[in-house]
Protein backbone atom coordinates (compact mmCIF):
# COMPACT_ATOMS: atom_id res chain seq x y z
CA UNK A 1 88.92 33.76 172.18
CA UNK A 2 88.18 31.49 169.22
CA UNK A 3 90.71 31.35 166.36
CA UNK A 4 89.50 31.35 162.72
CA UNK A 5 90.86 28.56 160.45
CA UNK A 6 93.73 29.56 158.22
CA UNK A 7 93.57 29.55 154.41
CA UNK A 8 95.95 26.52 154.17
CA UNK A 9 93.56 24.38 156.10
CA UNK A 10 90.63 25.48 153.88
CA UNK A 11 92.53 24.45 150.69
CA UNK A 12 93.34 21.04 152.21
CA UNK A 13 89.69 20.38 153.03
CA UNK A 14 88.63 21.25 149.42
CA UNK A 15 91.24 18.90 147.95
CA UNK A 16 89.97 16.03 150.14
CA UNK A 17 86.39 16.62 149.03
CA UNK A 18 87.28 16.61 145.28
CA UNK A 19 89.19 13.37 145.65
CA UNK A 20 86.26 11.71 147.27
CA UNK A 21 83.91 12.83 144.45
CA UNK A 22 86.43 11.53 141.82
CA UNK A 23 86.66 8.20 143.54
CA UNK A 24 82.86 7.84 143.58
CA UNK A 25 82.61 8.60 139.84
CA UNK A 26 85.30 6.09 138.99
CA UNK A 27 83.57 3.37 141.01
CA UNK A 28 80.28 4.11 139.26
CA UNK A 29 81.99 3.91 135.80
CA UNK A 30 83.62 0.63 136.70
CA UNK A 31 80.36 -0.76 137.82
CA UNK A 32 78.64 0.26 134.59
CA UNK A 33 81.44 -1.25 132.47
CA UNK A 34 81.24 -4.48 134.43
CA UNK A 35 77.45 -4.59 133.91
CA UNK A 36 77.91 -4.04 130.17
CA UNK A 37 80.63 -6.68 129.94
CA UNK A 38 78.42 -9.10 131.90
CA UNK A 39 75.49 -8.42 129.52
CA UNK A 40 77.65 -8.99 126.48
CA UNK A 41 78.98 -12.20 127.94
CA UNK A 42 75.49 -13.46 128.59
CA UNK A 43 74.51 -12.62 124.94
CA UNK A 44 77.55 -14.45 123.63
CA UNK A 45 76.94 -17.37 125.83
CA UNK A 46 73.71 -18.15 124.14
CA UNK A 47 74.24 -21.26 121.98
CA UNK A 48 72.17 -20.66 118.79
CA UNK A 49 72.25 -23.21 115.90
CA UNK A 50 74.54 -22.33 112.97
CA UNK A 51 71.60 -21.95 110.69
CA UNK A 52 70.56 -18.97 112.74
CA UNK A 53 73.84 -17.16 112.62
CA UNK A 54 75.66 -18.32 109.41
CA UNK A 55 78.96 -17.19 110.95
CA UNK A 56 81.95 -18.37 108.92
CA UNK A 57 85.55 -17.48 109.65
CA UNK A 58 88.12 -18.13 106.91
CA UNK A 59 91.15 -20.14 108.18
CA UNK A 60 93.53 -17.84 106.36
CA UNK A 61 93.61 -14.33 107.76
CA UNK A 62 94.09 -11.23 105.69
CA UNK A 63 97.73 -10.81 104.73
CA UNK A 64 97.96 -7.08 105.58
CA UNK A 65 97.06 -7.18 109.28
CA UNK A 66 100.71 -7.09 110.35
CA UNK A 67 102.74 -9.41 112.57
CA UNK A 68 100.51 -11.29 115.03
CA UNK A 69 100.15 -14.66 116.65
CA UNK A 70 97.60 -16.81 114.88
CA UNK A 71 96.50 -20.45 114.67
CA UNK A 72 97.50 -22.35 111.51
CA UNK A 73 95.35 -24.96 109.82
CA UNK A 74 97.07 -27.74 111.65
CA UNK A 75 96.18 -26.06 115.03
CA UNK A 76 99.73 -24.82 115.82
CA UNK A 77 99.97 -21.27 117.11
CA UNK A 78 102.82 -19.50 115.24
CA UNK A 79 104.16 -16.01 115.03
CA UNK A 80 103.88 -14.29 111.63
CA UNK A 81 107.45 -13.08 111.89
CA UNK A 82 108.68 -16.66 112.14
CA UNK A 83 106.30 -18.01 109.48
CA UNK A 84 107.83 -18.01 105.97
CA UNK A 85 104.51 -18.77 104.24
CA UNK A 86 102.95 -15.54 105.54
CA UNK A 87 103.70 -12.44 103.37
CA UNK A 88 102.49 -9.12 104.51
CA UNK A 89 100.76 -7.25 101.73
CA UNK A 90 100.79 -3.49 101.42
CA UNK A 91 97.32 -2.28 102.34
CA UNK A 92 97.58 0.60 99.93
CA UNK A 93 98.13 -1.67 96.95
CA UNK A 94 94.67 -1.77 95.47
CA UNK A 95 95.11 -4.84 93.24
CA UNK A 96 96.67 -7.02 95.95
CA UNK A 97 94.13 -5.88 98.53
CA UNK A 98 91.24 -6.82 96.29
CA UNK A 99 92.87 -10.23 95.51
CA UNK A 100 93.16 -10.85 99.29
CA UNK A 101 89.50 -9.97 99.84
CA UNK A 102 88.48 -12.29 97.02
CA UNK A 103 90.50 -15.27 98.28
CA UNK A 104 89.22 -14.73 101.82
CA UNK A 105 85.60 -14.58 100.66
CA UNK A 106 86.12 -17.63 98.43
CA UNK A 107 87.34 -19.72 101.38
CA UNK A 108 84.41 -18.53 103.54
CA UNK A 109 81.92 -19.48 100.83
CA UNK A 110 83.43 -22.94 100.43
CA UNK A 111 83.17 -23.54 104.17
CA UNK A 112 79.59 -22.25 104.25
CA UNK A 113 78.54 -24.55 101.41
CA UNK A 114 79.98 -27.52 103.20
CA UNK A 115 78.15 -26.57 106.46
CA UNK A 116 74.88 -25.97 104.52
CA UNK A 117 75.25 -29.43 102.95
CA UNK A 118 75.79 -31.06 106.32
CA UNK A 119 72.82 -29.22 107.93
CA UNK A 120 70.61 -29.82 104.86
CA UNK A 121 70.02 -26.22 103.93
CA UNK A 122 69.64 -25.78 100.13
CA UNK A 123 71.79 -23.02 98.69
CA UNK A 124 71.40 -23.61 94.86
CA UNK A 125 68.50 -21.99 93.01
CA UNK A 126 66.08 -24.51 91.31
CA UNK A 127 65.88 -24.59 87.53
CA UNK A 128 62.21 -23.52 87.59
CA UNK A 129 62.76 -20.65 90.05
CA UNK A 130 61.49 -17.37 88.91
CA UNK A 131 64.04 -14.67 89.89
CA UNK A 132 62.76 -11.15 89.75
CA UNK A 133 65.08 -8.70 88.16
CA UNK A 134 67.01 -6.32 90.39
CA UNK A 135 66.14 -3.42 88.16
CA UNK A 136 62.46 -2.56 87.46
CA UNK A 137 60.90 -2.68 84.03
CA UNK A 138 60.71 1.10 83.89
CA UNK A 139 64.36 1.42 84.57
CA UNK A 140 65.28 -1.21 81.95
CA UNK A 141 62.99 0.63 79.42
CA UNK A 142 64.86 3.80 80.02
CA UNK A 143 68.14 1.97 79.57
CA UNK A 144 66.86 0.50 76.35
CA UNK A 145 65.70 3.88 75.11
CA UNK A 146 69.09 5.32 75.96
CA UNK A 147 70.88 2.56 74.09
CA UNK A 148 68.73 3.01 71.08
CA UNK A 149 69.30 6.72 71.17
CA UNK A 150 73.06 6.22 71.37
CA UNK A 151 72.91 3.71 68.48
CA UNK A 152 70.91 6.09 66.32
CA UNK A 153 73.25 8.92 67.23
CA UNK A 154 76.28 6.90 66.17
CA UNK A 155 74.52 5.82 62.94
CA UNK A 156 73.71 9.49 62.19
CA UNK A 157 77.24 10.49 62.80
CA UNK A 158 78.56 7.74 60.52
CA UNK A 159 75.98 8.52 57.87
CA UNK A 160 76.89 12.30 58.05
CA UNK A 161 80.54 11.35 57.71
CA UNK A 162 79.90 9.08 54.79
CA UNK A 163 77.71 11.70 53.04
CA UNK A 164 80.49 14.26 53.54
CA UNK A 165 83.06 11.93 52.03
CA UNK A 166 80.74 11.12 49.12
CA UNK A 167 80.06 14.84 48.50
CA UNK A 168 83.89 15.47 48.41
CA UNK A 169 84.35 12.56 46.05
CA UNK A 170 81.51 13.75 43.84
CA UNK A 171 83.01 17.30 43.71
CA UNK A 172 86.38 15.72 42.83
CA UNK A 173 84.86 13.62 40.05
CA UNK A 174 82.94 16.71 38.73
CA UNK A 175 86.11 18.74 38.68
CA UNK A 176 87.92 15.89 36.90
CA UNK A 177 85.13 15.69 34.27
CA UNK A 178 85.29 19.44 33.72
CA UNK A 179 89.12 19.29 33.27
CA UNK A 180 88.78 16.36 30.89
CA UNK A 181 86.11 18.20 28.93
CA UNK A 182 88.29 21.31 28.73
CA UNK A 183 91.29 19.25 27.54
CA UNK A 184 89.08 17.55 24.92
CA UNK A 185 87.72 20.90 23.77
CA UNK A 186 91.16 22.36 23.59
CA UNK A 187 92.43 19.38 21.62
CA UNK A 188 89.47 19.54 19.27
CA UNK A 189 90.01 23.27 18.64
CA UNK A 190 93.68 22.64 18.07
CA UNK A 191 92.81 19.94 15.50
CA UNK A 192 90.28 22.34 13.88
CA UNK A 193 92.93 25.02 13.57
CA UNK A 194 95.37 22.51 12.04
CA UNK A 195 92.64 21.45 9.60
CA UNK A 196 92.03 25.09 8.68
CA UNK A 197 95.72 25.70 8.02
CA UNK A 198 96.02 22.57 6.00
CA UNK A 199 92.91 23.48 4.01
CA UNK A 200 94.38 26.92 3.27
CA UNK A 201 97.59 25.34 2.13
CA UNK A 202 95.85 22.75 0.03
CA UNK A 203 93.37 25.13 -1.52
CA UNK A 204 95.75 26.12 -4.27
CA UNK A 205 96.55 22.57 -5.19
CA UNK A 206 92.81 21.62 -5.20
CA UNK A 207 92.10 24.46 -7.68
CA UNK A 208 94.93 23.22 -9.87
CA UNK A 209 93.50 19.70 -9.78
CA UNK A 210 90.02 21.06 -10.82
CA UNK A 211 91.49 22.90 -13.76
CA UNK A 212 93.37 19.79 -14.87
CA UNK A 213 90.18 17.75 -14.76
CA UNK A 214 88.34 20.33 -16.82
CA UNK A 215 91.05 20.34 -19.39
CA UNK A 216 90.85 16.51 -19.54
CA UNK A 217 87.14 16.59 -20.18
CA UNK A 218 87.49 19.12 -22.93
CA UNK A 219 90.24 17.02 -24.44
CA UNK A 220 88.03 13.91 -24.42
CA UNK A 221 85.11 15.77 -25.99
CA UNK A 222 87.40 17.10 -28.71
CA UNK A 223 88.64 13.61 -29.45
CA UNK A 224 85.08 12.27 -29.80
CA UNK A 225 83.92 14.84 -32.38
CA UNK A 226 85.74 13.30 -35.38
CA UNK A 227 86.16 9.75 -34.38
CA UNK A 228 84.19 6.49 -34.15
CA UNK A 229 83.17 7.25 -30.57
CA UNK A 230 80.97 10.15 -31.91
CA UNK A 231 79.04 7.94 -34.33
CA UNK A 232 78.53 5.22 -31.77
CA UNK A 233 77.36 7.77 -29.27
CA UNK A 234 74.88 9.23 -31.82
CA UNK A 235 73.50 5.86 -32.69
CA UNK A 236 73.02 4.95 -29.03
CA UNK A 237 71.27 8.27 -28.42
CA UNK A 238 69.07 7.73 -31.37
CA UNK A 239 68.08 4.28 -30.20
CA UNK A 240 67.90 4.63 -26.49
CA UNK A 241 67.52 8.33 -25.99
CA UNK A 242 69.70 10.55 -23.83
CA UNK A 243 68.56 9.10 -20.53
CA UNK A 244 67.06 11.02 -17.70
CA UNK A 245 63.58 12.16 -17.52
CA UNK A 246 61.46 11.44 -20.63
CA UNK A 247 58.65 13.85 -21.38
CA UNK A 248 55.27 12.54 -22.62
CA UNK A 249 55.95 9.08 -21.42
CA UNK A 250 53.61 9.37 -18.55
CA UNK A 251 50.54 11.65 -18.25
CA UNK A 252 51.12 14.66 -16.07
CA UNK A 253 48.66 17.37 -15.19
CA UNK A 254 49.37 21.01 -16.00
CA UNK A 255 47.50 24.19 -15.18
CA UNK A 256 45.03 23.87 -18.06
CA UNK A 257 44.00 20.20 -17.33
CA UNK A 258 43.86 20.84 -13.63
CA UNK A 259 41.39 23.73 -13.92
CA UNK A 260 39.32 22.05 -16.73
CA UNK A 261 35.84 21.42 -15.11
CA UNK A 262 33.88 21.01 -18.41
CA UNK A 263 33.32 17.29 -17.97
CA UNK A 264 32.00 17.54 -14.41
CA UNK A 265 28.44 16.13 -14.03
CA UNK A 266 26.72 16.84 -10.71
CA UNK A 267 24.19 14.00 -11.12
CA UNK A 268 26.78 11.30 -11.48
CA UNK A 269 29.67 10.40 -13.69
CA UNK A 270 32.49 12.55 -14.64
CA UNK A 271 33.49 13.29 -18.18
CA UNK A 272 36.44 15.01 -19.54
CA UNK A 273 39.80 13.71 -20.63
CA UNK A 274 40.17 9.95 -20.23
CA UNK A 275 36.35 9.46 -20.04
CA UNK A 276 35.49 6.12 -21.62
CA UNK A 277 32.71 5.83 -24.26
CA UNK A 278 29.34 4.23 -23.28
CA UNK A 279 30.12 1.23 -25.52
CA UNK A 280 33.52 0.66 -24.13
CA UNK A 281 34.79 -2.14 -21.94
CA UNK A 282 33.72 -0.26 -18.87
CA UNK A 283 30.06 -0.27 -19.82
CA UNK A 284 29.67 -3.88 -20.87
CA UNK A 285 26.64 -5.69 -19.47
CA UNK A 286 27.27 -8.96 -17.80
CA UNK A 287 23.71 -10.34 -18.43
CA UNK A 288 20.39 -9.47 -20.06
CA UNK A 289 19.30 -8.83 -23.69
CA UNK A 290 19.86 -6.03 -26.10
CA UNK A 291 22.97 -4.26 -26.87
CA UNK A 292 25.38 -5.78 -29.45
CA UNK A 293 25.75 -9.05 -31.33
CA UNK A 294 26.24 -12.14 -29.26
CA UNK A 295 28.99 -14.64 -29.98
CA UNK A 296 27.66 -17.88 -31.52
CA UNK A 297 27.94 -21.04 -29.60
CA UNK A 298 30.44 -23.80 -30.13
CA UNK A 299 28.18 -25.98 -32.31
CA UNK A 300 27.29 -22.99 -34.55
CA UNK A 301 31.00 -22.30 -35.00
CA UNK A 302 31.76 -25.98 -35.81
CA UNK A 303 28.88 -26.01 -38.30
CA UNK A 304 30.12 -22.89 -40.03
CA UNK A 305 33.58 -24.39 -40.35
CA UNK A 306 32.25 -27.68 -41.87
CA UNK A 307 30.36 -25.84 -44.66
């Protein structure tokens, strides 16, 4: 009679099979890693010129990498914990971290320039080299428009602010002028009232002065009636007149003479008052015969005297 295998034996066989599979996978993984490492080693073993790689390693490492063994500039391998010149910088300090990056990049650039000079690779831009702008013309035009817009906006704000201040100052000046005008008007009306009151007070004294002057005139006229002043005044009036407007001294038209049209001649000439006679000075003939006795000449006059 054949006995069936127990469950313990079956579990043991399964465990052996899984271990064999795991060993096979590990061997394949190790082989793959070895192949990858060998390929990387072959790639690194290629000796390319420096001008093809431009690889530069700064002699001073970054100061926040922590304690480590490194090679100093003199070639000695030291530990950072024992090196007093090495100060670990906090990586979370932004300012010190950026300074460390800057110094590391500066050392690398200096080494690269020296190597370029040794190899003969130019690294400086010629004076006549045309360098195209990083930004396009359209982009720079947009930036220019934006700057112009911002400038105009600022000017508008400043102008609006200045106008507001000027308006406030103008209102203040206008209010000051109105107040000064009101004060001047009030002072003027006060002076006018004072003048009215003084006029009312001085009206009685003025009337008294007028009466006194009239009395003085009457007194002077009374004194002149019986004295020498009266005779002298009469003689002066008789000789020179009383002064003022003298009637009859100059011809003046009245209503009768103005409406007198009897001397009007439609065919020429005008008669009437003031019309000169035909034989007057106005009708003398300058030349020609006839009309009046002529004056004798000089010889005739001399001959008449000698007779």
